[in-house]
Amino acid sequence: MTMRRALWQGAVAGLAGAAVMTAGEKLEQRLTRRPDSYVPGLVLTRLVGLPEGRGRPPRWRNLTMHFGQAALVGVVRGVMAQAGLRGPVASGMFTVVRLTTDQILENATGVGAPPQTWPRDELVVDVLHKAVYGFATGAVADALAARDGPGPGQRHAARRPGRHSDAGPTRPRAAGGARPGRG
């Protein structure tokens, strides 16, 4: 696994996931008449110490935080995919990472409140949209990583399925995918 590949693949996957999530949000908002959220823009405003002003933050702050956070958190999914953590289970694990990241940033800046205090309908909508992001990001990260072959975890599982403390690590692949010492 090369970390550089995992980083750019994850960022690309995160941006793709944000685009899919945003499209889903816009569709949901048309159906439910729910207004746009300016929470991401306000979080960014407070994180970098910009003046808050009155009313909602400028749209560019919202988009910068929305897509910037998606790309940065997507890096985690890129690393997961390169390591061999792929598929729906990995995307489910990653969705929790995205939800957690949102809550840390929103609560640390005082913009949000813990999810257990939210109205149920708002919580359901947020979890649904973050799951769309998590699974869309995962699909892209997995597809990009698959071009590089199986990850170390997948190679380990192919040798001996399951989790065994006595199995030992797999040998790393050399540049170009060949195993060291195998021409």
Protein backbone atom coordinates (compact mmCIF):
# COMPACT_ATOMS: atom_id res chain seq x y z
CA MET A 1 0.00 0.00 0.00
CA THR A 2 1.38 3.37 -0.90
CA MET A 3 0.14 6.14 1.33
CA ARG A 4 0.32 8.70 -1.47
CA ARG A 5 -2.13 6.68 -3.60
CA ALA A 6 -4.44 6.19 -0.62
CA LEU A 7 -4.46 9.93 0.07
CA TRP A 8 -5.36 11.13 -3.42
CA GLN A 9 -7.77 8.27 -4.02
CA GLY A 10 -9.53 9.02 -0.74
CA ALA A 11 -9.78 12.74 -1.47
CA VAL A 12 -11.24 12.04 -4.92
CA ALA A 13 -13.64 9.50 -3.43
CA GLY A 14 -14.67 11.96 -0.70
CA LEU A 15 -15.43 14.68 -3.26
CA ALA A 16 -17.47 12.21 -5.31
CA GLY A 17 -19.32 11.13 -2.16
CA ALA A 18 -20.08 14.77 -1.32
CA ALA A 19 -21.45 15.35 -4.81
CA VAL A 20 -23.77 12.33 -4.51
CA MET A 21 -24.81 13.36 -0.98
CA THR A 22 -25.50 16.93 -2.12
CA ALA A 23 -27.68 15.72 -5.00
CA GLY A 24 -29.63 13.54 -2.56
CA GLU A 25 -29.99 16.44 -0.11
CA LYS A 26 -31.36 18.72 -2.83
CA LEU A 27 -33.89 16.06 -3.88
CA GLU A 28 -34.91 15.49 -0.25
CA GLN A 29 -35.25 19.26 0.32
CA ARG A 30 -37.57 19.58 -2.67
CA LEU A 31 -39.78 16.84 -1.28
CA THR A 32 -39.75 17.92 2.37
CA ARG A 33 -39.33 21.70 1.87
CA ARG A 34 -36.50 21.61 4.40
CA PRO A 35 -34.34 24.76 4.06
CA ASP A 36 -30.61 24.74 3.37
CA SER A 37 -28.37 24.25 6.39
CA TYR A 38 -25.68 26.82 7.04
CA VAL A 39 -24.07 24.77 9.81
CA PRO A 40 -20.99 23.87 7.71
CA GLY A 41 -20.32 27.53 6.91
CA LEU A 42 -20.68 28.58 10.52
CA VAL A 43 -18.38 25.75 11.67
CA LEU A 44 -15.72 26.92 9.20
CA THR A 45 -16.21 30.52 10.30
CA ARG A 46 -15.54 29.58 13.91
CA LEU A 47 -12.72 27.12 13.14
CA VAL A 48 -10.64 29.71 11.32
CA GLY A 49 -11.74 32.73 13.37
CA LEU A 50 -13.50 34.68 10.64
CA PRO A 51 -15.98 37.38 11.66
CA GLU A 52 -19.45 35.90 12.04
CA GLY A 53 -21.53 38.90 11.11
CA ARG A 54 -25.31 38.75 11.29
CA GLY A 55 -27.39 36.17 9.55
CA ARG A 56 -26.07 33.18 7.69
CA PRO A 57 -22.47 32.82 6.51
CA PRO A 58 -21.66 33.35 2.82
CA ARG A 59 -22.44 30.42 0.53
CA TRP A 60 -18.75 29.97 -0.35
CA ARG A 61 -17.97 29.13 3.28
CA ASN A 62 -20.70 26.51 3.31
CA LEU A 63 -19.42 24.91 0.11
CA THR A 64 -15.78 25.12 1.22
CA MET A 65 -16.52 23.32 4.49
CA HIS A 66 -18.95 20.86 2.90
CA PHE A 67 -16.59 19.70 0.17
CA GLY A 68 -13.34 20.30 2.07
CA GLN A 69 -14.40 18.15 4.99
CA ALA A 70 -15.71 15.50 2.59
CA ALA A 71 -12.35 15.32 0.82
CA LEU A 72 -10.32 15.27 4.03
CA VAL A 73 -12.47 12.61 5.72
CA GLY A 74 -12.53 10.68 2.43
CA VAL A 75 -8.79 10.15 2.90
CA VAL A 76 -9.65 7.77 5.76
CA ARG A 77 -11.76 5.69 3.36
CA GLY A 78 -8.96 5.71 0.78
CA VAL A 79 -6.55 4.33 3.38
CA MET A 80 -9.14 1.74 4.40
CA ALA A 81 -9.60 0.58 0.78
CA GLN A 82 -5.86 0.40 0.11
CA ALA A 83 -5.40 -1.64 3.30
CA GLY A 84 -8.02 -4.11 2.05
CA LEU A 85 -11.02 -2.88 4.06
CA ARG A 86 -13.50 -2.73 1.20
CA GLY A 87 -17.16 -3.31 0.53
CA PRO A 88 -20.37 -2.51 2.42
CA VAL A 89 -19.06 -3.37 5.88
CA ALA A 90 -16.12 -1.00 5.43
CA SER A 91 -18.47 1.70 4.11
CA GLY A 92 -20.69 1.23 7.17
CA MET A 93 -17.67 1.66 9.45
CA PHE A 94 -16.66 4.75 7.49
CA THR A 95 -20.15 6.28 7.75
CA VAL A 96 -19.69 6.27 11.52
CA VAL A 97 -16.36 8.09 11.05
CA ARG A 98 -18.10 10.78 8.98
CA LEU A 99 -20.92 11.21 11.50
CA THR A 100 -18.41 11.39 14.33
CA THR A 101 -16.26 13.96 12.53
CA ASP A 102 -19.31 16.18 11.95
CA GLN A 103 -20.31 15.99 15.58
CA ILE A 104 -16.83 16.72 16.89
CA LEU A 105 -16.53 19.84 14.72
CA GLU A 106 -20.08 21.08 15.32
CA ASN A 107 -20.01 20.54 19.07
CA ALA A 108 -16.45 21.79 19.60
CA THR A 109 -17.30 25.07 17.86
CA GLY A 110 -20.63 25.43 19.68
CA VAL A 111 -22.55 25.36 16.41
CA GLY A 112 -24.26 22.04 17.09
CA ALA A 113 -25.67 19.99 19.91
CA PRO A 114 -25.22 16.28 20.64
CA PRO A 115 -27.38 14.17 18.29
CA GLN A 116 -29.31 12.56 21.14
CA THR A 117 -30.84 16.01 21.80
CA TRP A 118 -32.08 16.47 18.20
CA PRO A 119 -35.64 15.92 17.02
CA ARG A 120 -35.89 12.37 15.61
CA ASP A 121 -36.79 13.50 12.07
CA GLU A 122 -33.67 15.72 11.85
CA LEU A 123 -31.49 12.91 13.15
CA VAL A 124 -32.88 10.43 10.61
CA VAL A 125 -32.31 12.86 7.74
CA ASP A 126 -28.73 13.58 8.83
CA VAL A 127 -27.83 9.91 9.27
CA LEU A 128 -29.40 9.05 5.91
CA HIS A 129 -27.43 11.73 4.06
CA LYS A 130 -24.17 10.78 5.79
CA ALA A 131 -24.81 7.12 4.90
CA VAL A 132 -25.24 8.13 1.25
CA TYR A 133 -21.90 9.97 1.50
CA GLY A 134 -20.24 7.02 3.27
CA PHE A 135 -21.35 4.40 0.76
CA ALA A 136 -20.78 6.57 -2.33
CA THR A 137 -17.29 7.48 -1.07
CA GLY A 138 -16.66 3.81 -0.34
CA ALA A 139 -17.72 2.69 -3.82
CA VAL A 140 -15.30 5.12 -5.45
CA ALA A 141 -12.43 4.41 -3.02
CA ASP A 142 -12.91 0.66 -3.45
CA ALA A 143 -12.95 0.93 -7.26
CA LEU A 144 -9.76 3.02 -7.27
CA ALA A 145 -7.97 0.72 -4.82
CA ALA A 146 -9.06 -2.41 -6.70
CA ARG A 147 -6.97 -1.24 -9.66
CA ASP A 148 -3.93 -1.76 -7.42
CA GLY A 149 -4.94 -5.31 -6.51
CA PRO A 150 -5.78 -6.75 -3.11
CA GLY A 151 -4.71 -4.89 0.00
CA PRO A 152 -2.59 -6.41 2.77
CA GLY A 153 -5.65 -7.43 4.78
CA GLN A 154 -7.17 -9.17 1.77
CA ARG A 155 -3.90 -11.00 1.04
CA HIS A 156 -3.77 -12.10 4.68
CA ALA A 157 -7.36 -13.37 4.52
CA ALA A 158 -6.61 -15.25 1.29
CA ARG A 159 -3.74 -17.05 3.02
CA ARG A 160 -5.76 -18.01 6.05
CA PRO A 161 -9.33 -16.71 6.43
CA GLY A 162 -10.29 -15.30 9.79
CA ARG A 163 -8.35 -13.61 12.53
CA HIS A 164 -5.48 -15.72 13.82
CA SER A 165 -2.72 -14.41 16.05
CA ASP A 166 -0.33 -17.10 14.85
CA ALA A 167 -0.77 -16.46 11.10
CA GLY A 168 1.93 -13.78 10.93
CA PRO A 169 2.00 -10.83 8.57
CA THR A 170 2.00 -11.10 4.81
CA ARG A 171 5.12 -10.02 2.98
CA PRO A 172 4.80 -6.54 1.48
CA ARG A 173 4.60 -6.13 -2.28
CA ALA A 174 7.45 -4.41 -4.07
CA ALA A 175 6.89 -1.58 -6.54
CA GLY A 176 4.86 -2.81 -9.48
CA GLY A 177 2.98 -5.38 -7.43
CA ALA A 178 5.59 -8.17 -7.41
CA ARG A 179 6.50 -9.79 -4.15
CA PRO A 180 10.09 -9.18 -2.98
CA GLY A 181 12.46 -11.90 -4.14
CA ARG A 182 10.12 -13.19 -6.85
CA GLY A 183 11.70 -11.64 -9.91
